[in-house]
Structure formats: structure tokens, C-alpha cells
């Protein structure tokens, strides 16, 4: 047992994982990356899960594929962020696999988009250039338009304000 150090003593201090009386100090298992201090032991709590921890993402995003006379139309709705970006990546991958001449990404229903969503759009643009597909962003919402303008990608990604060229077939 490690004894507590007296202020005038030359003995080594107690180990950091023990309290003043030598009892084990419980530590937060979640690390120190996020959140504020835990008042009981000076540790910090995380408000986000640790990598590798299973959790339920808030899936507030949907991609619906439609056929049109000019090619596939992917209609997006909800919040496009880190948790749901793989859904859009998968839908885009399946659309590009058919080698369409035109691909329309309808972003009218996107209520929020972070840098991960922007990354998906840029990678889709690069894939379209590689495969010879004409990619168009149709009816981008105000939040999407804002991030495109702030980053200057509105000058690179082609956008249309309507879906007249990509009406669903049938």
C-alpha cells in the first residue's frame, strides 16, 4: 500500500490512480477529448462515443433513386453529415456502376450538410469526370448552397435550379 505524502515529507507522492488514502480512484473510461470536468475526480467526460464503441447514429437522411429519360436521379433529404455520408456514397457508387451519361443529385430536401457531405459531393464530381458522366446538383437547398459558396465549390460543381431535364420516367 502506498502511503499518502505528507507536505513536509520526502516520501514519493501517491500514484495517480490512488486517492490520498491509497484507495483506487475510479477513472472515467471515456477519455478526455470532449466535455467538461467531472467534479468528483477532475476527469473529463466525453459527449461522443469512443472509436470502436457501438452506438445508434441518428439516421435522419434518405436517398431515393428515380429513373428519368436522361439518367438516374438521386433525391436526398435530411441531414447529410458524418454518420449518414456512407448512405450517399453507396447510392452514388451504384449509380456510377451503371455508367450513365447523366446523373442528377437532387439536394432540395437536404436540411444540413457538413464537410463530410461536401467531401462526398467532390468525390462524386471526380468520379463523374473519370467515368465521363455529366453530374448535376439539382435544386440545392439554402444550407447546401451556403456551404458550396463559402468553399468556392459552387464554381466547380454544376448546379441547376430545377429538375426539368430530369423528370422521373413513367
N, C-alpha and C. Protein backbone atom coordinates (compact mmCIF):
# COMPACT_ATOMS: atom_id res chain seq x y z
N UNK A 1 0.84 -1.18 0.00
CA UNK A 1 0.00 0.00 0.00
C UNK A 1 0.88 1.25 0.00
N UNK A 2 0.52 2.20 -0.83
CA UNK A 2 1.26 3.45 -0.91
C UNK A 2 0.68 4.42 0.09
N UNK A 3 1.53 4.97 0.90
CA UNK A 3 1.07 5.92 1.91
C UNK A 3 0.97 7.32 1.32
N UNK A 4 0.05 8.10 1.84
CA UNK A 4 -0.05 9.47 1.36
C UNK A 4 1.19 10.27 1.73
N UNK A 5 1.53 11.21 0.91
CA UNK A 5 2.70 12.04 1.16
C UNK A 5 2.32 13.19 2.07
N UNK A 6 3.07 13.35 3.09
CA UNK A 6 2.88 14.48 3.98
C UNK A 6 3.55 15.69 3.34
N UNK A 7 2.98 16.88 3.47
CA UNK A 7 3.56 18.04 2.80
C UNK A 7 5.03 18.29 3.12
N UNK A 8 5.49 17.94 4.31
CA UNK A 8 6.88 18.16 4.66
C UNK A 8 7.73 16.91 4.48
N UNK A 9 7.11 15.82 4.06
CA UNK A 9 7.81 14.55 3.91
C UNK A 9 8.58 14.51 2.59
N UNK A 10 9.64 13.68 2.56
CA UNK A 10 10.40 13.49 1.33
C UNK A 10 10.00 12.19 0.65
N UNK A 11 8.94 11.59 1.12
CA UNK A 11 8.46 10.37 0.51
C UNK A 11 7.84 10.68 -0.84
N UNK A 12 7.87 9.70 -1.79
CA UNK A 12 7.25 9.94 -3.10
C UNK A 12 5.75 10.11 -2.95
N UNK A 13 5.21 10.86 -3.85
CA UNK A 13 3.76 11.09 -3.85
C UNK A 13 3.03 9.79 -4.19
N UNK A 14 1.77 9.71 -3.79
CA UNK A 14 0.96 8.54 -4.09
C UNK A 14 0.78 8.45 -5.61
N UNK A 15 0.62 7.24 -6.08
CA UNK A 15 0.40 7.06 -7.51
C UNK A 15 -0.86 7.79 -7.94
N UNK A 16 -0.90 8.20 -9.18
CA UNK A 16 -2.03 8.99 -9.68
C UNK A 16 -3.34 8.21 -9.69
N UNK A 17 -3.27 6.86 -9.68
CA UNK A 17 -4.50 6.09 -9.71
C UNK A 17 -5.01 5.74 -8.32
N UNK A 18 -4.47 6.38 -7.30
CA UNK A 18 -4.90 6.17 -5.92
C UNK A 18 -5.24 7.51 -5.29
N UNK A 19 -6.21 7.51 -4.38
CA UNK A 19 -6.55 8.76 -3.71
C UNK A 19 -5.61 9.00 -2.54
N UNK A 20 -5.89 10.01 -1.71
CA UNK A 20 -4.98 10.36 -0.60
C UNK A 20 -4.83 9.24 0.41
N UNK A 21 -5.82 8.38 0.50
CA UNK A 21 -5.75 7.31 1.49
C UNK A 21 -5.30 5.99 0.89
N UNK A 22 -4.92 6.00 -0.37
CA UNK A 22 -4.40 4.79 -1.01
C UNK A 22 -5.46 3.94 -1.69
N UNK A 23 -6.71 4.36 -1.65
CA UNK A 23 -7.76 3.59 -2.30
C UNK A 23 -7.75 3.88 -3.80
N UNK A 24 -8.11 2.88 -4.62
CA UNK A 24 -8.16 3.12 -6.07
C UNK A 24 -9.15 4.21 -6.41
N UNK A 25 -8.76 5.07 -7.33
CA UNK A 25 -9.63 6.15 -7.79
C UNK A 25 -10.31 5.69 -9.07
N UNK A 26 -11.65 5.70 -9.10
CA UNK A 26 -12.33 5.34 -10.34
C UNK A 26 -12.07 6.41 -11.39
N UNK A 27 -11.75 5.97 -12.57
CA UNK A 27 -11.48 6.89 -13.67
C UNK A 27 -12.57 6.76 -14.73
N UNK A 28 -12.85 7.86 -15.39
CA UNK A 28 -13.81 7.81 -16.49
C UNK A 28 -13.21 6.96 -17.61
N UNK A 29 -13.97 6.02 -18.11
CA UNK A 29 -13.48 5.14 -19.16
C UNK A 29 -13.57 5.78 -20.54
N UNK A 30 -14.13 6.94 -20.60
CA UNK A 30 -14.40 7.53 -21.90
C UNK A 30 -13.34 8.52 -22.37
N UNK A 31 -12.32 8.77 -21.62
CA UNK A 31 -11.24 9.63 -22.10
C UNK A 31 -11.46 11.10 -21.78
N UNK A 32 -10.66 11.95 -22.44
CA UNK A 32 -10.67 13.37 -22.12
C UNK A 32 -10.93 14.27 -23.33
N UNK A 33 -11.35 13.73 -24.44
CA UNK A 33 -11.43 14.53 -25.66
C UNK A 33 -12.57 15.54 -25.67
N UNK A 34 -13.70 15.21 -25.11
CA UNK A 34 -14.85 16.10 -25.19
C UNK A 34 -15.44 16.32 -23.81
N UNK A 35 -16.21 17.37 -23.70
CA UNK A 35 -16.97 17.59 -22.48
C UNK A 35 -16.20 18.37 -21.44
N UNK A 36 -16.81 18.52 -20.28
CA UNK A 36 -16.21 19.28 -19.19
C UNK A 36 -15.72 18.38 -18.08
N UNK A 37 -15.17 18.98 -17.03
CA UNK A 37 -14.61 18.16 -15.96
C UNK A 37 -15.68 17.45 -15.15
N UNK A 38 -15.34 16.25 -14.73
CA UNK A 38 -16.18 15.50 -13.81
C UNK A 38 -15.79 15.99 -12.42
N UNK A 39 -16.70 16.55 -11.69
CA UNK A 39 -16.39 17.22 -10.43
C UNK A 39 -15.79 16.29 -9.37
N UNK A 40 -16.06 14.99 -9.45
CA UNK A 40 -15.60 14.10 -8.39
C UNK A 40 -14.11 13.79 -8.46
N UNK A 41 -13.52 13.69 -9.65
CA UNK A 41 -12.12 13.28 -9.72
C UNK A 41 -11.30 14.09 -10.71
N UNK A 42 -11.81 15.18 -11.22
CA UNK A 42 -11.06 16.01 -12.13
C UNK A 42 -10.94 15.43 -13.53
N UNK A 43 -11.57 14.30 -13.79
CA UNK A 43 -11.54 13.70 -15.12
C UNK A 43 -12.56 14.42 -16.00
N UNK A 44 -12.45 14.24 -17.28
CA UNK A 44 -13.44 14.81 -18.19
C UNK A 44 -14.24 13.70 -18.81
N UNK A 45 -15.48 13.98 -19.10
CA UNK A 45 -16.37 13.02 -19.73
C UNK A 45 -16.46 13.34 -21.20
N UNK A 46 -16.71 12.35 -22.03
CA UNK A 46 -16.90 12.56 -23.46
C UNK A 46 -18.38 12.62 -23.76
N UNK A 47 -18.74 13.53 -24.63
CA UNK A 47 -20.13 13.58 -25.06
C UNK A 47 -20.33 12.78 -26.33
N UNK A 48 -19.24 12.27 -26.92
CA UNK A 48 -19.30 11.46 -28.13
C UNK A 48 -18.72 10.09 -27.82
N UNK A 49 -19.13 9.09 -28.57
CA UNK A 49 -18.63 7.75 -28.30
C UNK A 49 -17.15 7.60 -28.69
N UNK A 50 -16.49 6.69 -28.02
CA UNK A 50 -15.11 6.37 -28.33
C UNK A 50 -15.09 5.57 -29.62
N UNK A 51 -14.03 5.71 -30.40
CA UNK A 51 -13.90 4.93 -31.63
C UNK A 51 -14.03 3.45 -31.29
N UNK A 52 -14.79 2.75 -32.08
CA UNK A 52 -15.00 1.33 -31.85
C UNK A 52 -16.19 1.02 -30.97
N UNK A 53 -16.77 2.03 -30.33
CA UNK A 53 -17.93 1.82 -29.49
C UNK A 53 -19.18 1.75 -30.36
N UNK A 54 -20.02 0.78 -30.09
CA UNK A 54 -21.25 0.66 -30.86
C UNK A 54 -22.27 1.67 -30.36
N UNK A 55 -22.92 2.34 -31.28
CA UNK A 55 -23.98 3.27 -30.94
C UNK A 55 -24.91 3.40 -32.13
N UNK A 56 -26.08 3.92 -31.89
CA UNK A 56 -27.08 4.11 -32.93
C UNK A 56 -26.96 5.52 -33.49
N UNK A 57 -26.52 5.68 -34.75
CA UNK A 57 -26.50 7.02 -35.33
C UNK A 57 -27.91 7.52 -35.58
N UNK A 58 -28.05 8.82 -35.57
CA UNK A 58 -29.34 9.43 -35.85
C UNK A 58 -29.51 9.48 -37.37
N UNK A 59 -30.20 8.49 -37.91
CA UNK A 59 -30.35 8.38 -39.35
C UNK A 59 -31.52 9.24 -39.83
N UNK A 60 -31.24 10.50 -40.02
CA UNK A 60 -32.26 11.43 -40.48
C UNK A 60 -32.04 11.79 -41.95
N UNK A 61 -31.47 10.88 -42.70
CA UNK A 61 -31.12 11.13 -44.09
C UNK A 61 -31.63 9.99 -44.95
N UNK A 62 -32.12 10.32 -46.14
CA UNK A 62 -32.61 9.30 -47.05
C UNK A 62 -32.20 9.65 -48.48
N UNK A 63 -31.90 8.61 -49.25
CA UNK A 63 -31.60 8.77 -50.67
C UNK A 63 -32.59 7.89 -51.43
N UNK A 64 -33.29 8.49 -52.37
CA UNK A 64 -34.25 7.76 -53.18
C UNK A 64 -33.82 7.87 -54.64
N UNK A 65 -33.70 6.73 -55.31
CA UNK A 65 -33.28 6.72 -56.71
C UNK A 65 -34.49 6.66 -57.62
N UNK A 66 -34.50 7.48 -58.66
CA UNK A 66 -35.55 7.51 -59.68
C UNK A 66 -34.88 7.41 -61.04
N UNK A 67 -35.58 6.84 -61.99
CA UNK A 67 -35.10 6.84 -63.37
C UNK A 67 -35.74 8.02 -64.09
N UNK A 68 -34.98 8.61 -64.99
CA UNK A 68 -35.51 9.69 -65.82
C UNK A 68 -35.04 9.47 -67.25
N UNK A 69 -35.59 10.18 -68.21
CA UNK A 69 -35.16 10.00 -69.60
C UNK A 69 -33.67 10.28 -69.81
N UNK A 70 -33.10 11.14 -68.98
CA UNK A 70 -31.69 11.49 -69.16
C UNK A 70 -30.74 10.66 -68.31
N UNK A 71 -31.25 9.90 -67.36
CA UNK A 71 -30.40 9.10 -66.48
C UNK A 71 -30.96 9.07 -65.07
N UNK A 72 -30.23 8.45 -64.15
CA UNK A 72 -30.73 8.34 -62.78
C UNK A 72 -30.77 9.68 -62.05
N UNK A 73 -31.75 9.79 -61.14
CA UNK A 73 -31.88 10.94 -60.26
C UNK A 73 -31.84 10.42 -58.84
N UNK A 74 -30.92 10.93 -58.04
CA UNK A 74 -30.84 10.57 -56.62
C UNK A 74 -31.40 11.73 -55.81
N UNK A 75 -32.53 11.49 -55.17
CA UNK A 75 -33.20 12.52 -54.37
C UNK A 75 -32.78 12.37 -52.91
N UNK A 76 -32.17 13.40 -52.37
CA UNK A 76 -31.66 13.36 -50.99
C UNK A 76 -32.53 14.21 -50.07
N UNK A 77 -32.72 13.73 -48.85
CA UNK A 77 -33.47 14.51 -47.87
C UNK A 77 -32.93 14.23 -46.48
N UNK A 78 -32.91 15.27 -45.66
CA UNK A 78 -32.43 15.14 -44.28
C UNK A 78 -31.09 15.80 -44.07
N UNK A 79 -30.41 15.39 -43.01
CA UNK A 79 -29.13 15.97 -42.63
C UNK A 79 -27.98 15.11 -43.16
N UNK A 80 -27.15 15.69 -44.01
CA UNK A 80 -26.02 14.99 -44.61
C UNK A 80 -24.77 15.30 -43.80
N UNK A 81 -24.40 14.35 -42.93
CA UNK A 81 -23.23 14.54 -42.07
C UNK A 81 -22.41 13.26 -42.00
N UNK A 82 -21.48 13.22 -41.07
CA UNK A 82 -20.55 12.10 -40.94
C UNK A 82 -21.25 10.75 -40.77
N UNK A 83 -22.31 10.71 -40.00
CA UNK A 83 -23.00 9.45 -39.73
C UNK A 83 -23.69 8.86 -40.95
N UNK A 84 -24.20 9.70 -41.83
CA UNK A 84 -25.01 9.20 -42.94
C UNK A 84 -24.34 9.33 -44.31
N UNK A 85 -23.17 9.93 -44.37
CA UNK A 85 -22.47 10.08 -45.65
C UNK A 85 -22.26 8.74 -46.37
N UNK A 86 -21.99 7.63 -45.65
CA UNK A 86 -21.85 6.35 -46.36
C UNK A 86 -23.09 5.95 -47.15
N UNK A 87 -24.28 6.36 -46.71
CA UNK A 87 -25.51 6.05 -47.47
C UNK A 87 -25.46 6.70 -48.85
N UNK A 88 -25.06 7.97 -48.89
CA UNK A 88 -24.98 8.67 -50.16
C UNK A 88 -23.84 8.12 -51.01
N UNK A 89 -22.70 7.81 -50.38
CA UNK A 89 -21.58 7.22 -51.12
C UNK A 89 -21.99 5.93 -51.80
N UNK A 90 -22.73 5.09 -51.09
CA UNK A 90 -23.18 3.81 -51.64
C UNK A 90 -24.14 4.03 -52.80
N UNK A 91 -25.09 4.93 -52.64
CA UNK A 91 -26.06 5.22 -53.71
C UNK A 91 -25.36 5.78 -54.94
N UNK A 92 -24.38 6.65 -54.73
CA UNK A 92 -23.62 7.20 -55.86
C UNK A 92 -22.80 6.11 -56.54
N UNK A 93 -22.19 5.24 -55.74
CA UNK A 93 -21.42 4.14 -56.31
C UNK A 93 -22.26 3.23 -57.18
N UNK A 94 -23.47 2.92 -56.71
CA UNK A 94 -24.38 2.08 -57.50
C UNK A 94 -24.82 2.80 -58.78
N UNK A 95 -25.04 4.10 -58.69
CA UNK A 95 -25.44 4.86 -59.87
C UNK A 95 -24.30 4.94 -60.89
N UNK A 96 -23.09 5.18 -60.42
CA UNK A 96 -21.94 5.25 -61.32
C UNK A 96 -21.61 3.88 -61.93
N UNK A 97 -21.96 2.81 -61.24
CA UNK A 97 -21.68 1.45 -61.75
C UNK A 97 -22.44 1.17 -63.04
N UNK A 98 -23.57 1.85 -63.25
CA UNK A 98 -24.34 1.65 -64.48
C UNK A 98 -23.81 2.49 -65.64
N UNK A 99 -22.80 3.29 -65.40
CA UNK A 99 -22.17 4.16 -66.41
C UNK A 99 -23.18 5.04 -67.14
N UNK A 100 -23.96 5.85 -66.40
CA UNK A 100 -24.94 6.70 -67.07
C UNK A 100 -24.26 7.88 -67.76
N UNK A 101 -24.92 8.40 -68.78
CA UNK A 101 -24.41 9.60 -69.45
C UNK A 101 -24.63 10.82 -68.57
N UNK A 102 -25.76 10.82 -67.83
CA UNK A 102 -26.12 11.93 -66.94
C UNK A 102 -26.54 11.38 -65.58
N UNK A 103 -26.18 12.09 -64.53
CA UNK A 103 -26.60 11.75 -63.18
C UNK A 103 -26.99 13.03 -62.47
N UNK A 104 -28.18 13.03 -61.91
CA UNK A 104 -28.69 14.21 -61.20
C UNK A 104 -28.78 13.89 -59.72
N UNK A 105 -28.27 14.80 -58.90
CA UNK A 105 -28.34 14.68 -57.45
C UNK A 105 -29.25 15.80 -56.96
N UNK A 106 -30.48 15.44 -56.59
CA UNK A 106 -31.47 16.42 -56.14
C UNK A 106 -31.25 16.68 -54.65
N UNK A 107 -30.80 17.89 -54.32
CA UNK A 107 -30.44 18.24 -52.94
C UNK A 107 -31.45 19.19 -52.29
N UNK A 108 -32.65 19.26 -52.83
CA UNK A 108 -33.66 20.17 -52.30
C UNK A 108 -34.06 19.84 -50.87
N UNK A 109 -34.07 18.57 -50.52
CA UNK A 109 -34.52 18.17 -49.19
C UNK A 109 -33.43 18.10 -48.14
N UNK A 110 -32.21 18.49 -48.48
CA UNK A 110 -31.10 18.44 -47.52
C UNK A 110 -31.19 19.66 -46.61
N UNK A 111 -31.39 19.40 -45.32
CA UNK A 111 -31.56 20.48 -44.35
C UNK A 111 -30.26 20.92 -43.71
N UNK A 112 -29.23 20.08 -43.77
CA UNK A 112 -27.93 20.40 -43.18
C UNK A 112 -26.87 19.59 -43.92
N UNK A 113 -25.71 20.20 -44.14
CA UNK A 113 -24.60 19.48 -44.75
C UNK A 113 -23.30 19.97 -44.13
N UNK A 114 -22.48 19.04 -43.66
CA UNK A 114 -21.18 19.41 -43.10
C UNK A 114 -20.08 19.12 -44.12
N UNK A 115 -18.83 19.20 -43.68
CA UNK A 115 -17.70 18.99 -44.59
C UNK A 115 -17.66 17.57 -45.14
N UNK A 116 -18.20 16.61 -44.40
CA UNK A 116 -18.23 15.23 -44.89
C UNK A 116 -19.15 15.13 -46.09
N UNK A 117 -20.28 15.80 -46.04
CA UNK A 117 -21.19 15.83 -47.18
C UNK A 117 -20.56 16.51 -48.37
N UNK A 118 -19.83 17.59 -48.11
CA UNK A 118 -19.13 18.28 -49.18
C UNK A 118 -18.08 17.36 -49.81
N UNK A 119 -17.40 16.59 -48.98
CA UNK A 119 -16.41 15.63 -49.48
C UNK A 119 -17.07 14.60 -50.41
N UNK A 120 -18.24 14.12 -50.04
CA UNK A 120 -18.95 13.16 -50.88
C UNK A 120 -19.29 13.79 -52.24
N UNK A 121 -19.71 15.04 -52.24
CA UNK A 121 -20.05 15.71 -53.50
C UNK A 121 -18.80 15.91 -54.37
N UNK A 122 -17.70 16.29 -53.76
CA UNK A 122 -16.47 16.49 -54.52
C UNK A 122 -15.97 15.17 -55.09
N UNK A 123 -16.01 14.12 -54.29
CA UNK A 123 -15.58 12.80 -54.80
C UNK A 123 -16.51 12.31 -55.92
N UNK A 124 -17.79 12.62 -55.82
CA UNK A 124 -18.72 12.26 -56.89
C UNK A 124 -18.38 13.02 -58.16
N UNK A 125 -18.02 14.28 -58.01
CA UNK A 125 -17.61 15.09 -59.17
C UNK A 125 -16.38 14.49 -59.84
N UNK A 126 -15.40 14.06 -59.03
CA UNK A 126 -14.19 13.44 -59.58
C UNK A 126 -14.50 12.12 -60.27
N UNK A 127 -15.37 11.33 -59.67
CA UNK A 127 -15.77 10.05 -60.28
C UNK A 127 -16.53 10.28 -61.58
N UNK A 128 -17.37 11.30 -61.60
CA UNK A 128 -18.10 11.63 -62.82
C UNK A 128 -17.13 12.02 -63.93
N UNK A 129 -16.13 12.80 -63.60
CA UNK A 129 -15.13 13.19 -64.60
C UNK A 129 -14.36 11.97 -65.10
N UNK A 130 -14.06 11.05 -64.19
CA UNK A 130 -13.31 9.84 -64.56
C UNK A 130 -14.11 8.93 -65.47
N UNK A 131 -15.41 8.83 -65.22
CA UNK A 131 -16.26 7.91 -65.99
C UNK A 131 -16.96 8.58 -67.17
N UNK A 132 -16.82 9.89 -67.32
CA UNK A 132 -17.47 10.58 -68.43
C UNK A 132 -18.94 10.84 -68.20
N UNK A 133 -19.37 10.85 -66.95
CA UNK A 133 -20.77 11.12 -66.60
C UNK A 133 -20.95 12.61 -66.32
N UNK A 134 -22.02 13.17 -66.82
CA UNK A 134 -22.34 14.57 -66.53
C UNK A 134 -23.12 14.61 -65.21
N UNK A 135 -22.48 15.07 -64.15
CA UNK A 135 -23.10 15.15 -62.82
C UNK A 135 -23.66 16.55 -62.61
N UNK A 136 -24.91 16.62 -62.19
CA UNK A 136 -25.55 17.90 -61.88
C UNK A 136 -26.16 17.85 -60.49
N UNK A 137 -25.98 18.92 -59.74
CA UNK A 137 -26.65 19.09 -58.45
C UNK A 137 -27.91 19.90 -58.74
N UNK A 138 -29.06 19.31 -58.48
CA UNK A 138 -30.32 19.98 -58.78
C UNK A 138 -30.95 20.54 -57.52
N UNK A 139 -31.50 21.71 -57.65
CA UNK A 139 -32.26 22.38 -56.59
C UNK A 139 -31.58 22.33 -55.22
N UNK A 140 -30.32 22.74 -55.11
CA UNK A 140 -29.68 22.69 -53.79
C UNK A 140 -30.41 23.58 -52.79
N UNK A 141 -30.60 23.06 -51.59
CA UNK A 141 -31.27 23.82 -50.54
C UNK A 141 -30.40 25.01 -50.13
N UNK A 142 -30.96 25.87 -49.31
CA UNK A 142 -30.24 27.05 -48.85
C UNK A 142 -28.98 26.67 -48.07
N UNK A 143 -29.07 25.65 -47.22
CA UNK A 143 -27.90 25.25 -46.43
C UNK A 143 -26.81 24.65 -47.32
N UNK A 144 -27.20 23.91 -48.35
CA UNK A 144 -26.21 23.35 -49.27
C UNK A 144 -25.58 24.47 -50.11
N UNK A 145 -26.41 25.37 -50.61
CA UNK A 145 -25.90 26.49 -51.40
C UNK A 145 -24.91 27.32 -50.60
N UNK A 146 -25.20 27.51 -49.34
CA UNK A 146 -24.32 28.31 -48.48
C UNK A 146 -22.94 27.68 -48.36
N UNK A 147 -22.86 26.38 -48.08
CA UNK A 147 -21.55 25.74 -47.93
C UNK A 147 -20.82 25.66 -49.27
N UNK A 148 -21.57 25.50 -50.36
CA UNK A 148 -20.92 25.49 -51.68
C UNK A 148 -20.30 26.85 -51.99
N UNK A 149 -21.00 27.92 -51.65
CA UNK A 149 -20.48 29.26 -51.89
C UNK A 149 -19.32 29.60 -50.97
N UNK A 150 -19.44 29.23 -49.69
CA UNK A 150 -18.36 29.52 -48.73
C UNK A 150 -17.05 28.84 -49.11
N UNK A 151 -17.15 27.66 -49.67
CA UNK A 151 -15.94 26.90 -50.02
C UNK A 151 -15.49 27.11 -51.46
N UNK A 152 -16.30 27.80 -52.26
CA UNK A 152 -15.94 28.04 -53.65
C UNK A 152 -16.24 26.87 -54.57
N UNK A 153 -16.82 25.80 -54.04
CA UNK A 153 -17.13 24.64 -54.88
C UNK A 153 -18.34 24.89 -55.77
N UNK A 154 -19.07 25.98 -55.55
CA UNK A 154 -20.17 26.32 -56.45
C UNK A 154 -19.64 26.69 -57.83
N UNK A 155 -18.34 27.03 -57.92
CA UNK A 155 -17.71 27.34 -59.19
C UNK A 155 -17.29 26.08 -59.94
N UNK A 156 -17.22 24.95 -59.23
CA UNK A 156 -16.74 23.69 -59.81
C UNK A 156 -17.89 22.73 -60.09
N UNK A 157 -18.78 22.59 -59.12
CA UNK A 157 -19.91 21.66 -59.25
C UNK A 157 -21.05 22.34 -60.02
N UNK A 158 -21.55 21.68 -61.03
CA UNK A 158 -22.64 22.24 -61.84
C UNK A 158 -23.96 22.10 -61.10
N UNK A 159 -24.68 23.19 -60.99
CA UNK A 159 -25.97 23.17 -60.30
C UNK A 159 -27.08 23.67 -61.22
N UNK A 160 -28.27 23.10 -61.05
CA UNK A 160 -29.48 23.53 -61.75
C UNK A 160 -30.51 23.90 -60.70
N UNK A 161 -31.29 24.92 -60.99
CA UNK A 161 -32.31 25.35 -60.05
C UNK A 161 -33.61 24.58 -60.17
N UNK A 162 -33.73 23.72 -61.19
CA UNK A 162 -34.95 22.93 -61.33
C UNK A 162 -34.60 21.52 -61.84
N UNK A 163 -35.62 20.69 -61.95
CA UNK A 163 -35.43 19.31 -62.40
C UNK A 163 -36.07 19.10 -63.77
N UNK A 164 -36.20 20.13 -64.57
CA UNK A 164 -36.91 19.99 -65.84
C UNK A 164 -36.27 18.97 -66.77
N UNK A 165 -34.95 18.84 -66.75
CA UNK A 165 -34.27 17.90 -67.64
C UNK A 165 -34.26 16.49 -67.05
N UNK A 166 -34.67 16.35 -65.81
CA UNK A 166 -34.57 15.05 -65.15
C UNK A 166 -35.87 14.62 -64.51
N UNK A 167 -36.96 14.77 -65.23
CA UNK A 167 -38.25 14.33 -64.70
C UNK A 167 -38.29 12.81 -64.65
N UNK A 168 -38.83 12.24 -63.58
CA UNK A 168 -38.91 10.78 -63.49
C UNK A 168 -39.68 10.18 -64.66
N UNK A 169 -39.19 9.04 -65.14
CA UNK A 169 -39.85 8.35 -66.24
C UNK A 169 -41.13 7.68 -65.76
N UNK A 170 -42.14 7.66 -66.60
CA UNK A 170 -43.37 6.93 -66.28
C UNK A 170 -44.30 7.80 -65.58
